[in-house]
Protein backbone atom coordinates (compact mmCIF):
# COMPACT_ATOMS: atom_id res chain seq x y z
CA MET A 1 -27.03 15.89 85.61
CA LYS A 2 -26.66 12.19 86.51
CA LYS A 3 -24.98 13.06 89.81
CA VAL A 4 -27.76 15.51 90.77
CA THR A 5 -30.48 12.97 89.92
CA LEU A 6 -28.64 10.28 91.87
CA ALA A 7 -28.29 12.60 94.88
CA ILE A 8 -32.00 13.46 94.80
CA LEU A 9 -32.92 9.76 94.61
CA ALA A 10 -30.57 8.94 97.51
CA VAL A 11 -32.08 11.66 99.72
CA GLY A 12 -35.60 10.51 98.77
CA ALA A 13 -34.78 6.90 99.63
CA LEU A 14 -33.22 7.93 102.96
CA LEU A 15 -36.28 9.98 103.90
CA SER A 16 -38.59 7.15 102.87
CA LEU A 17 -36.72 4.66 105.08
CA HIS A 18 -36.81 6.99 108.07
CA ALA A 19 -40.48 7.86 107.55
CA HIS A 20 -41.46 4.18 107.75
CA ALA A 21 -39.39 3.59 110.89
CA VAL A 22 -40.89 6.48 112.88
CA THR A 23 -43.51 5.54 115.43
CA MET A 24 -45.37 7.63 117.94
CA PRO A 25 -45.89 7.09 121.65
CA ILE A 26 -49.23 6.00 123.04
CA THR A 27 -50.91 8.95 124.76
CA GLY A 28 -53.90 9.45 127.04
CA SER A 29 -55.56 7.26 129.61
CA ILE A 30 -58.04 4.42 129.94
CA THR A 31 -60.18 3.53 132.97
CA PHE A 32 -61.75 0.15 133.75
CA GLY A 33 -64.32 -0.86 136.36
CA GLY A 34 -66.19 -3.87 137.70
CA ASN A 35 -65.89 -6.27 140.61
CA VAL A 36 -63.05 -8.49 141.80
CA ALA A 37 -62.48 -11.53 143.98
CA PHE A 38 -59.37 -11.38 146.16
CA ASP A 39 -57.49 -14.24 147.75
CA THR A 40 -59.13 -13.30 151.09
CA THR A 41 -62.50 -11.85 152.12
CA SER A 42 -60.92 -8.76 153.73
CA LEU A 43 -59.21 -6.00 151.78
CA ALA A 44 -56.90 -5.57 154.77
CA THR A 45 -55.22 -8.94 154.13
CA ALA A 46 -55.59 -9.24 150.34
CA THR A 47 -52.41 -9.97 148.38
CA GLN A 48 -53.81 -10.72 144.91
CA VAL A 49 -56.80 -10.44 142.61
CA SER A 50 -57.99 -14.00 141.95
CA THR A 51 -60.74 -13.12 139.45
CA TRP A 52 -61.90 -9.96 137.67
CA TYR A 53 -65.59 -9.47 136.81
CA ALA A 54 -66.97 -6.99 134.31
CA GLY A 55 -70.02 -6.86 136.62
CA PRO A 56 -72.50 -6.65 138.02
CA GLY A 57 -71.68 -9.23 140.66
CA THR A 58 -69.93 -12.18 139.06
CA ALA A 59 -70.90 -11.48 135.44
CA ASN A 60 -68.20 -11.92 132.77
CA PRO A 61 -65.35 -13.48 134.80
CA GLY A 62 -61.87 -12.66 133.46
CA PHE A 63 -62.95 -9.27 132.13
CA SER A 64 -63.40 -5.66 133.21
CA THR A 65 -65.44 -2.91 131.55
CA VAL A 66 -63.96 0.17 129.84
CA GLN A 67 -65.41 3.30 131.44
CA LEU A 68 -63.44 6.31 130.17
CA THR A 69 -60.83 6.84 127.44
CA SER A 70 -58.73 9.66 126.04
CA GLY A 71 -55.88 10.17 123.57
CA SER A 72 -54.77 7.06 121.69
CA PHE A 73 -57.47 5.00 123.47
CA SER A 74 -60.34 7.24 122.25
CA SER A 75 -61.50 4.74 119.61
CA ILE A 76 -62.40 2.23 122.38
CA SER A 77 -66.05 2.66 123.38
CA ALA A 78 -67.25 2.79 126.97
CA GLY A 79 -68.72 -0.59 127.90
CA THR A 80 -66.17 -2.59 125.89
CA LEU A 81 -64.91 -5.68 127.72
CA ALA A 82 -61.18 -5.83 128.48
CA THR A 83 -59.40 -9.13 129.07
CA MET A 84 -57.68 -9.23 132.49
CA ALA A 85 -54.86 -11.56 133.61
CA THR A 86 -55.27 -13.63 136.76
CA PRO A 87 -53.98 -13.97 139.26
CA TRP A 88 -52.60 -10.48 139.68
CA ILE A 89 -50.26 -10.59 142.69
CA PHE A 90 -49.62 -7.13 144.12
CA LYS A 91 -48.08 -8.17 147.46
CA PRO A 92 -45.26 -8.81 146.88
CA SER A 93 -44.96 -6.76 143.69
CA THR A 94 -45.05 -9.21 140.78
CA ALA A 95 -44.56 -8.35 137.11
CA THR A 96 -47.61 -9.44 135.11
CA PRO A 97 -47.42 -9.55 131.31
CA ASN A 98 -50.74 -8.79 129.59
CA LEU A 99 -52.41 -7.51 132.77
CA TRP A 100 -55.10 -6.05 130.52
CA SER A 101 -55.80 -6.11 126.78
CA VAL A 102 -58.45 -4.22 124.83
CA GLY A 103 -58.78 -2.58 121.41
CA GLY A 104 -55.33 -3.72 120.27
CA PHE A 105 -53.62 -2.27 123.37
CA THR A 106 -51.92 -4.35 126.07
CA PHE A 107 -50.55 -3.30 129.44
CA ASN A 108 -47.50 -5.19 130.72
CA LEU A 109 -47.24 -4.54 134.43
CA ALA A 110 -43.72 -4.05 135.79
CA THR A 111 -44.19 -2.88 139.41
CA SER A 112 -46.82 -2.59 142.12
CA MET A 113 -46.78 -0.57 145.33
CA ILE A 114 -49.52 -0.56 147.98
CA VAL A 115 -50.32 3.05 148.85
CA SER A 116 -53.17 2.34 151.26
CA GLN A 117 -54.77 -0.86 152.55
CA SER A 118 -57.56 -1.27 155.10
CA ALA A 119 -60.64 -3.44 155.61
CA THR A 120 -62.69 -1.14 153.32
CA PHE A 121 -60.17 0.46 150.93
CA LEU A 122 -57.21 -0.66 148.83
CA ASN A 123 -55.03 1.55 146.60
CA VAL A 124 -52.17 0.08 144.58
CA THR A 125 -50.09 2.07 142.07
CA GLY A 126 -47.23 1.22 139.78
CA THR A 127 -45.60 1.31 136.37
CA GLY A 128 -45.57 -0.72 133.20
CA THR A 129 -45.42 -0.60 129.42
CA ILE A 130 -48.35 -0.11 127.08
CA THR A 131 -48.02 -1.74 123.65
CA SER A 132 -50.24 -1.78 120.58
CA THR A 133 -50.83 -4.10 117.65
CA ASN A 134 -50.87 -0.94 115.51
CA PRO A 135 -47.32 -0.54 114.12
CA ALA A 136 -47.71 3.25 114.21
CA PHE A 137 -47.41 3.14 118.02
CA SER A 138 -44.21 2.47 119.93
CA PRO A 139 -44.17 0.72 123.33
CA THR A 140 -44.78 3.47 125.88
CA PHE A 141 -44.00 3.75 129.58
CA GLY A 142 -47.16 4.14 131.65
CA THR A 143 -48.34 4.63 135.20
CA TRP A 144 -51.41 3.07 136.72
CA SER A 145 -53.59 3.12 139.80
CA PHE A 146 -55.94 0.42 141.13
CA THR A 147 -58.51 1.13 143.85
CA SER A 148 -61.04 -1.17 145.45
CA THR A 149 -63.73 -0.35 147.98
CA GLY A 150 -66.11 -2.44 150.02
CA SER A 151 -65.76 -5.75 151.74
CA GLY A 152 -66.69 -9.34 151.04
CA SER A 153 -65.79 -11.37 147.99
CA GLN A 154 -66.99 -8.93 145.29
CA PRO A 155 -65.71 -5.40 146.01
CA GLN A 156 -65.90 -2.71 143.34
CA PHE A 157 -62.69 -1.63 141.62
CA GLY A 158 -61.36 1.05 139.33
CA PHE A 159 -58.15 0.81 137.29
CA THR A 160 -56.66 3.72 135.36
CA ALA A 161 -53.59 3.51 133.13
CA SER A 162 -51.99 6.66 131.72
CA SER A 163 -49.09 7.12 129.37
CA ALA A 164 -46.78 10.05 129.83
CA ALA A 165 -44.00 9.50 127.33
CA PRO A 166 -43.16 12.62 125.33
CA ASP A 167 -42.05 12.36 121.71
CA GLY A 168 -38.36 11.47 121.76
CA GLY A 169 -37.59 14.09 119.11
CA SER A 170 -37.88 11.73 116.15
CA ALA A 171 -39.99 14.21 114.18
CA VAL A 172 -37.41 16.95 114.71
CA ALA A 173 -34.59 14.57 113.73
CA LEU A 174 -36.40 13.63 110.51
CA LEU A 175 -36.96 17.28 109.67
CA GLY A 176 -33.25 17.96 110.22
CA ILE A 177 -32.24 15.08 107.96
CA ALA A 178 -34.64 16.24 105.25
CA LEU A 179 -33.43 19.84 105.38
CA THR A 180 -29.78 18.74 105.32
CA GLY A 181 -30.46 16.58 102.27
CA ILE A 182 -32.30 19.37 100.46
CA GLU A 183 -29.49 21.82 101.24
CA GLY A 184 -26.92 19.33 99.90
CA VAL A 185 -28.84 18.93 96.64
CA ARG A 186 -29.27 22.72 96.35
CA ARG A 187 -25.52 23.23 96.71
CA MET A 188 -24.76 20.57 94.10
CA ILE A 189 -27.10 22.20 91.59
CA ARG A 190 -25.66 25.64 92.32
CA ALA A 191 -22.07 24.36 91.92
CA ARG A 192 -22.89 22.81 88.53
CA LYS A 193 -24.32 26.14 87.26
CA VAL A 194 -21.09 28.04 88.11
């Protein structure tokens, strides 16, 4: 009986350790808007965002405004201010830690690529990692897109970050470990009865 109890306790401890270590990826998307100041007055020659503004005009420098959320970001209300890093250099592509932070989430920019750039339109896309202060979330690979329209020193912008990391199978692995442990205990009990 002592061996069976010990085996049950060992399986329970193993499952408890694995349950605490399991985290889930960040899912969904978040969109920001506002105005920006570039390093030049023409989008055609811009190479960096010098200042972000939550808008309108030059209101709330250093911030943008949350517009839409889904998935893991759903608890962040539209209109919430997000802290933005400056300068953000997109030409050449420059990694930018903490490009944006809001609601316990942070986006660490890894790459930038200019898709389209003219005097009235700029589109930059790239990749990065989204992290959270919530220990239930694991750092998650994400894609993003930045667009700006207009001319002058305060063009409008939109920035959308999306995560697309599927579950790495950790839930299935935990289930397998649990079932294996239960089967082992069942066999030990059955062997002791014979």
